[in-house]
């Protein structure tokens, strides 16, 4: 998948050739990202990112997930996509992360809008979900800004290094989505 959102922002399917850049971005944002993402301690070298991308490619080939690099001003600044795609139930779960330096430009809001359009128009899904830790205000702001429905709180949903965090679950149905 390749999608231009605006002249400065685009998405494309992650490729093995992205491993060094994605690892460097992860490494440079490690402290910032570690607050809410549980995989930083197991991403220690470029080979870990290569293994992650190989898994992404397999998921894409199986049509069970879709991982995209976010390109802002010609540089990869993060990852977004569908962590899971359940074609039987027509539901997908969006996940995303953005480097600290790329914050504050509306990148993730526009990215999630593009993912919603792809989910509902191209994949013909009925529902898209986003889950975020209750304390992760920046991540929660995205579905709230885009009109998702807060569906509830999942207690102890994720182990985050040395403690569990609750998640807020958000959902948007195809019937609720309005293309902008």
C-alpha atoms as a PDB file:
ATOM      1  CA  UNK A   1       0.000   0.000   0.000  1.00  0.00           C
ATOM      2  CA  UNK A   2       1.192   3.475  -0.825  1.00  0.00           C
ATOM      3  CA  UNK A   3      -0.908   6.493   0.086  1.00  0.00           C
ATOM      4  CA  UNK A   4      -0.107  10.186  -0.181  1.00  0.00           C
ATOM      5  CA  UNK A   5      -1.993  12.119   2.479  1.00  0.00           C
ATOM      6  CA  UNK A   6      -0.657  15.559   1.568  1.00  0.00           C
ATOM      7  CA  UNK A   7       2.549  16.916  -0.035  1.00  0.00           C
ATOM      8  CA  UNK A   8       4.475  16.418   3.239  1.00  0.00           C
ATOM      9  CA  UNK A   9       2.914  13.194   4.534  1.00  0.00           C
ATOM     10  CA  UNK A  10       2.558   9.706   3.094  1.00  0.00           C
ATOM     11  CA  UNK A  11       2.275   6.066   4.128  1.00  0.00           C
ATOM     12  CA  UNK A  12       3.694   2.950   2.529  1.00  0.00           C
ATOM     13  CA  UNK A  13       4.018  -0.701   3.393  1.00  0.00           C
ATOM     14  CA  UNK A  14       7.093  -1.384   5.507  1.00  0.00           C
ATOM     15  CA  UNK A  15       9.957  -3.146   3.694  1.00  0.00           C
ATOM     16  CA  UNK A  16      13.120  -4.953   4.782  1.00  0.00           C
ATOM     17  CA  UNK A  17      15.135  -2.059   3.352  1.00  0.00           C
ATOM     18  CA  UNK A  18      13.595   0.140   6.084  1.00  0.00           C
ATOM     19  CA  UNK A  19      15.182  -1.848   8.935  1.00  0.00           C
ATOM     20  CA  UNK A  20      18.206   0.378   9.562  1.00  0.00           C
ATOM     21  CA  UNK A  21      16.203   3.607   9.442  1.00  0.00           C
ATOM     22  CA  UNK A  22      13.395   2.241  11.636  1.00  0.00           C
ATOM     23  CA  UNK A  23      15.876   0.854  14.160  1.00  0.00           C
ATOM     24  CA  UNK A  24      17.783   4.171  14.288  1.00  0.00           C
ATOM     25  CA  UNK A  25      14.500   6.035  14.798  1.00  0.00           C
ATOM     26  CA  UNK A  26      13.470   3.603  17.532  1.00  0.00           C
ATOM     27  CA  UNK A  27      16.848   3.868  19.211  1.00  0.00           C
ATOM     28  CA  UNK A  28      16.837   7.675  19.087  1.00  0.00           C
ATOM     29  CA  UNK A  29      13.315   7.778  20.613  1.00  0.00           C
ATOM     30  CA  UNK A  30      13.858   4.864  23.020  1.00  0.00           C
ATOM     31  CA  UNK A  31      13.324   6.727  26.311  1.00  0.00           C
ATOM     32  CA  UNK A  32      10.313   8.601  24.965  1.00  0.00           C
ATOM     33  CA  UNK A  33       8.651   5.531  23.429  1.00  0.00           C
ATOM     34  CA  UNK A  34       9.397   3.252  26.386  1.00  0.00           C
ATOM     35  CA  UNK A  35       6.856   5.059  28.566  1.00  0.00           C
ATOM     36  CA  UNK A  36       3.960   3.380  26.714  1.00  0.00           C
ATOM     37  CA  UNK A  37       5.370   0.711  24.377  1.00  0.00           C
ATOM     38  CA  UNK A  38       6.314  -2.685  25.840  1.00  0.00           C
ATOM     39  CA  UNK A  39       8.745  -3.833  23.137  1.00  0.00           C
ATOM     40  CA  UNK A  40      11.623  -1.368  23.519  1.00  0.00           C
ATOM     41  CA  UNK A  41      13.734  -3.612  25.761  1.00  0.00           C
ATOM     42  CA  UNK A  42      13.620  -6.468  23.257  1.00  0.00           C
ATOM     43  CA  UNK A  43      14.550  -4.192  20.345  1.00  0.00           C
ATOM     44  CA  UNK A  44      18.266  -3.924  21.056  1.00  0.00           C
ATOM     45  CA  UNK A  45      19.839  -4.043  17.600  1.00  0.00           C
ATOM     46  CA  UNK A  46      19.064  -3.756  13.924  1.00  0.00           C
ATOM     47  CA  UNK A  47      18.493  -7.516  13.641  1.00  0.00           C
ATOM     48  CA  UNK A  48      15.548  -7.193  16.049  1.00  0.00           C
ATOM     49  CA  UNK A  49      13.933  -4.638  13.752  1.00  0.00           C
ATOM     50  CA  UNK A  50      14.646  -6.835  10.724  1.00  0.00           C
ATOM     51  CA  UNK A  51      12.882  -9.753  12.454  1.00  0.00           C
ATOM     52  CA  UNK A  52       9.943  -7.449  13.268  1.00  0.00           C
ATOM     53  CA  UNK A  53       9.678  -6.351   9.624  1.00  0.00           C
ATOM     54  CA  UNK A  54       9.798  -9.966   8.416  1.00  0.00           C
ATOM     55  CA  UNK A  55       6.835 -10.650  10.706  1.00  0.00           C
ATOM     56  CA  UNK A  56       5.049  -7.606   9.290  1.00  0.00           C
ATOM     57  CA  UNK A  57       5.593  -8.868   5.748  1.00  0.00           C
ATOM     58  CA  UNK A  58       4.204 -12.309   6.662  1.00  0.00           C
ATOM     59  CA  UNK A  59       1.161 -10.670   8.255  1.00  0.00           C
ATOM     60  CA  UNK A  60       0.596  -8.577   5.150  1.00  0.00           C
ATOM     61  CA  UNK A  61       0.941 -11.619   2.865  1.00  0.00           C
ATOM     62  CA  UNK A  62      -1.571 -13.501   5.049  1.00  0.00           C
ATOM     63  CA  UNK A  63      -3.869 -10.435   4.991  1.00  0.00           C
ATOM     64  CA  UNK A  64      -3.993 -10.562   8.807  1.00  0.00           C
ATOM     65  CA  UNK A  65      -2.161  -7.274   9.445  1.00  0.00           C
ATOM     66  CA  UNK A  66      -0.720  -4.262   7.645  1.00  0.00           C
ATOM     67  CA  UNK A  67       2.275  -2.268   8.899  1.00  0.00           C
ATOM     68  CA  UNK A  68       3.160   1.028   7.268  1.00  0.00           C
ATOM     69  CA  UNK A  69       5.963   3.506   7.637  1.00  0.00           C
ATOM     70  CA  UNK A  70       4.892   7.101   8.164  1.00  0.00           C
ATOM     71  CA  UNK A  71       6.914   9.419   5.927  1.00  0.00           C
ATOM     72  CA  UNK A  72       6.936  13.109   6.840  1.00  0.00           C
ATOM     73  CA  UNK A  73       9.011  15.569   4.812  1.00  0.00           C
ATOM     74  CA  UNK A  74      10.732  12.632   3.100  1.00  0.00           C
ATOM     75  CA  UNK A  75      11.807  10.931   6.342  1.00  0.00           C
ATOM     76  CA  UNK A  76      10.384   7.925   8.176  1.00  0.00           C
ATOM     77  CA  UNK A  77       9.016   9.254  11.483  1.00  0.00           C
ATOM     78  CA  UNK A  78       6.977   6.325  12.804  1.00  0.00           C
ATOM     79  CA  UNK A  79       4.906   3.225  12.190  1.00  0.00           C
ATOM     80  CA  UNK A  80       1.136   2.801  11.916  1.00  0.00           C
ATOM     81  CA  UNK A  81      -1.251   0.245  10.587  1.00  0.00           C
ATOM     82  CA  UNK A  82      -3.555  -2.596  11.436  1.00  0.00           C
ATOM     83  CA  UNK A  83      -2.047  -4.806  14.141  1.00  0.00           C
ATOM     84  CA  UNK A  84      -4.782  -7.310  13.370  1.00  0.00           C
ATOM     85  CA  UNK A  85      -7.313  -7.655  10.585  1.00  0.00           C
ATOM     86  CA  UNK A  86     -10.122 -10.109  11.219  1.00  0.00           C
ATOM     87  CA  UNK A  87     -11.838 -10.605   7.857  1.00  0.00           C
ATOM     88  CA  UNK A  88     -14.438 -13.013   9.274  1.00  0.00           C
ATOM     89  CA  UNK A  89     -15.773 -10.397  11.666  1.00  0.00           C
ATOM     90  CA  UNK A  90     -14.736  -7.422   9.505  1.00  0.00           C
ATOM     91  CA  UNK A  91     -12.799  -5.788  12.349  1.00  0.00           C
ATOM     92  CA  UNK A  92      -9.297  -4.298  12.462  1.00  0.00           C
ATOM     93  CA  UNK A  93      -7.231  -2.900  15.315  1.00  0.00           C
ATOM     94  CA  UNK A  94      -5.062   0.145  14.648  1.00  0.00           C
ATOM     95  CA  UNK A  95      -1.706   0.597  16.330  1.00  0.00           C
ATOM     96  CA  UNK A  96       0.775   3.435  15.948  1.00  0.00           C
ATOM     97  CA  UNK A  97       3.867   5.179  17.256  1.00  0.00           C
ATOM     98  CA  UNK A  98       5.587   8.392  16.289  1.00  0.00           C
ATOM     99  CA  UNK A  99       9.074   9.632  17.087  1.00  0.00           C
ATOM    100  CA  UNK A 100       9.314  12.378  19.657  1.00  0.00           C
ATOM    101  CA  UNK A 101      10.660  14.900  17.155  1.00  0.00           C
ATOM    102  CA  UNK A 102       7.692  14.432  14.820  1.00  0.00           C
ATOM    103  CA  UNK A 103       5.065  15.282  17.442  1.00  0.00           C
ATOM    104  CA  UNK A 104       2.831  18.332  17.098  1.00  0.00           C
ATOM    105  CA  UNK A 105       2.227  18.370  13.338  1.00  0.00           C
ATOM    106  CA  UNK A 106      -1.077  16.459  13.246  1.00  0.00           C
ATOM    107  CA  UNK A 107       0.721  13.532  11.624  1.00  0.00           C
ATOM    108  CA  UNK A 108      -0.990  10.772  13.574  1.00  0.00           C
ATOM    109  CA  UNK A 109      -4.481  12.222  13.275  1.00  0.00           C
ATOM    110  CA  UNK A 110      -4.091  12.416   9.484  1.00  0.00           C
ATOM    111  CA  UNK A 111      -2.526   8.952   9.403  1.00  0.00           C
ATOM    112  CA  UNK A 112      -5.406   7.373  11.324  1.00  0.00           C
ATOM    113  CA  UNK A 113      -7.908   9.181   9.073  1.00  0.00           C
ATOM    114  CA  UNK A 114      -6.191   7.570   6.061  1.00  0.00           C
ATOM    115  CA  UNK A 115      -6.272   4.166   7.774  1.00  0.00           C
ATOM    116  CA  UNK A 116      -9.995   4.564   8.462  1.00  0.00           C
ATOM    117  CA  UNK A 117     -10.654   5.374   4.819  1.00  0.00           C
ATOM    118  CA  UNK A 118      -8.658   2.319   3.727  1.00  0.00           C
ATOM    119  CA  UNK A 119     -10.411   0.074   6.263  1.00  0.00           C
ATOM    120  CA  UNK A 120     -13.935   1.099   5.355  1.00  0.00           C
ATOM    121  CA  UNK A 121     -13.617   1.734   1.599  1.00  0.00           C
ATOM    122  CA  UNK A 122     -10.926  -0.701   0.440  1.00  0.00           C
ATOM    123  CA  UNK A 123     -11.130  -3.532   2.976  1.00  0.00           C
ATOM    124  CA  UNK A 124     -14.911  -3.169   3.456  1.00  0.00           C
ATOM    125  CA  UNK A 125     -14.577  -3.618   7.217  1.00  0.00           C
ATOM    126  CA  UNK A 126     -17.400  -2.910   9.644  1.00  0.00           C
ATOM    127  CA  UNK A 127     -15.377  -1.797  12.665  1.00  0.00           C
ATOM    128  CA  UNK A 128     -12.023  -0.319  13.554  1.00  0.00           C
ATOM    129  CA  UNK A 129     -10.696  -0.394  17.107  1.00  0.00           C
ATOM    130  CA  UNK A 130      -7.960   1.524  18.892  1.00  0.00           C
ATOM    131  CA  UNK A 131      -6.765   0.681  22.382  1.00  0.00           C
ATOM    132  CA  UNK A 132      -4.508   2.897  24.462  1.00  0.00           C
ATOM    133  CA  UNK A 133      -3.280   2.886  28.042  1.00  0.00           C
ATOM    134  CA  UNK A 134      -5.553   4.953  30.266  1.00  0.00           C
ATOM    135  CA  UNK A 135      -2.677   7.287  31.155  1.00  0.00           C
ATOM    136  CA  UNK A 136      -1.466   7.769  27.577  1.00  0.00           C
ATOM    137  CA  UNK A 137      -3.205  11.066  26.852  1.00  0.00           C
ATOM    138  CA  UNK A 138      -1.494  11.662  23.485  1.00  0.00           C
ATOM    139  CA  UNK A 139      -2.481   8.286  22.109  1.00  0.00           C
ATOM    140  CA  UNK A 140      -6.027   8.529  23.480  1.00  0.00           C
ATOM    141  CA  UNK A 141      -6.454  11.973  21.909  1.00  0.00           C
ATOM    142  CA  UNK A 142      -6.359  10.486  18.402  1.00  0.00           C
ATOM    143  CA  UNK A 143      -9.542   8.353  18.551  1.00  0.00           C
ATOM    144  CA  UNK A 144     -11.258  10.986  20.686  1.00  0.00           C
ATOM    145  CA  UNK A 145     -10.458  13.709  18.144  1.00  0.00           C
ATOM    146  CA  UNK A 146     -11.696  11.506  15.290  1.00  0.00           C
ATOM    147  CA  UNK A 147     -15.048  10.694  16.864  1.00  0.00           C
ATOM    148  CA  UNK A 148     -14.486   7.103  17.976  1.00  0.00           C
ATOM    149  CA  UNK A 149     -16.818   5.786  20.669  1.00  0.00           C
ATOM    150  CA  UNK A 150     -15.241   4.997  24.004  1.00  0.00           C
ATOM    151  CA  UNK A 151     -16.398   1.415  24.546  1.00  0.00           C
ATOM    152  CA  UNK A 152     -14.881   0.695  27.931  1.00  0.00           C
ATOM    153  CA  UNK A 153     -11.808   0.004  29.981  1.00  0.00           C
ATOM    154  CA  UNK A 154      -9.951  -3.281  29.887  1.00  0.00           C
ATOM    155  CA  UNK A 155      -8.300  -3.873  33.230  1.00  0.00           C
ATOM    156  CA  UNK A 156      -4.660  -5.029  33.350  1.00  0.00           C
ATOM    157  CA  UNK A 157      -4.640  -5.200  29.556  1.00  0.00           C
ATOM    158  CA  UNK A 158      -0.898  -4.928  29.053  1.00  0.00           C
ATOM    159  CA  UNK A 159       2.287  -5.709  30.968  1.00  0.00           C
ATOM    160  CA  UNK A 160       4.506  -2.630  30.707  1.00  0.00           C
ATOM    161  CA  UNK A 161       7.965  -3.704  31.960  1.00  0.00           C
ATOM    162  CA  UNK A 162       7.173  -3.901  35.690  1.00  0.00           C
ATOM    163  CA  UNK A 163       3.436  -3.245  36.003  1.00  0.00           C
ATOM    164  CA  UNK A 164       0.112  -3.713  34.285  1.00  0.00           C
ATOM    165  CA  UNK A 165      -1.716  -0.853  32.615  1.00  0.00           C
ATOM    166  CA  UNK A 166      -5.416  -0.628  31.850  1.00  0.00           C
ATOM    167  CA  UNK A 167      -6.498   0.148  28.304  1.00  0.00           C
ATOM    168  CA  UNK A 168      -9.343   2.284  27.064  1.00  0.00           C
ATOM    169  CA  UNK A 169     -11.003   0.629  24.075  1.00  0.00           C
ATOM    170  CA  UNK A 170     -12.363   2.842  21.295  1.00  0.00           C
ATOM    171  CA  UNK A 171     -14.363   1.747  18.289  1.00  0.00           C
ATOM    172  CA  UNK A 172     -15.724   3.206  15.105  1.00  0.00           C
ATOM    173  CA  UNK A 173     -18.293   1.465  12.924  1.00  0.00           C
ATOM    174  CA  UNK A 174     -18.493   1.854   9.160  1.00  0.00           C
ATOM    175  CA  UNK A 175     -21.941   3.402   9.635  1.00  0.00           C
ATOM    176  CA  UNK A 176     -20.422   6.081  11.907  1.00  0.00           C
ATOM    177  CA  UNK A 177     -17.478   6.950   9.699  1.00  0.00           C
ATOM    178  CA  UNK A 178     -17.684  10.021   7.604  1.00  0.00           C
ATOM    179  CA  UNK A 179     -15.045  10.605   4.978  1.00  0.00           C
ATOM    180  CA  UNK A 180     -13.626  14.105   5.300  1.00  0.00           C
END
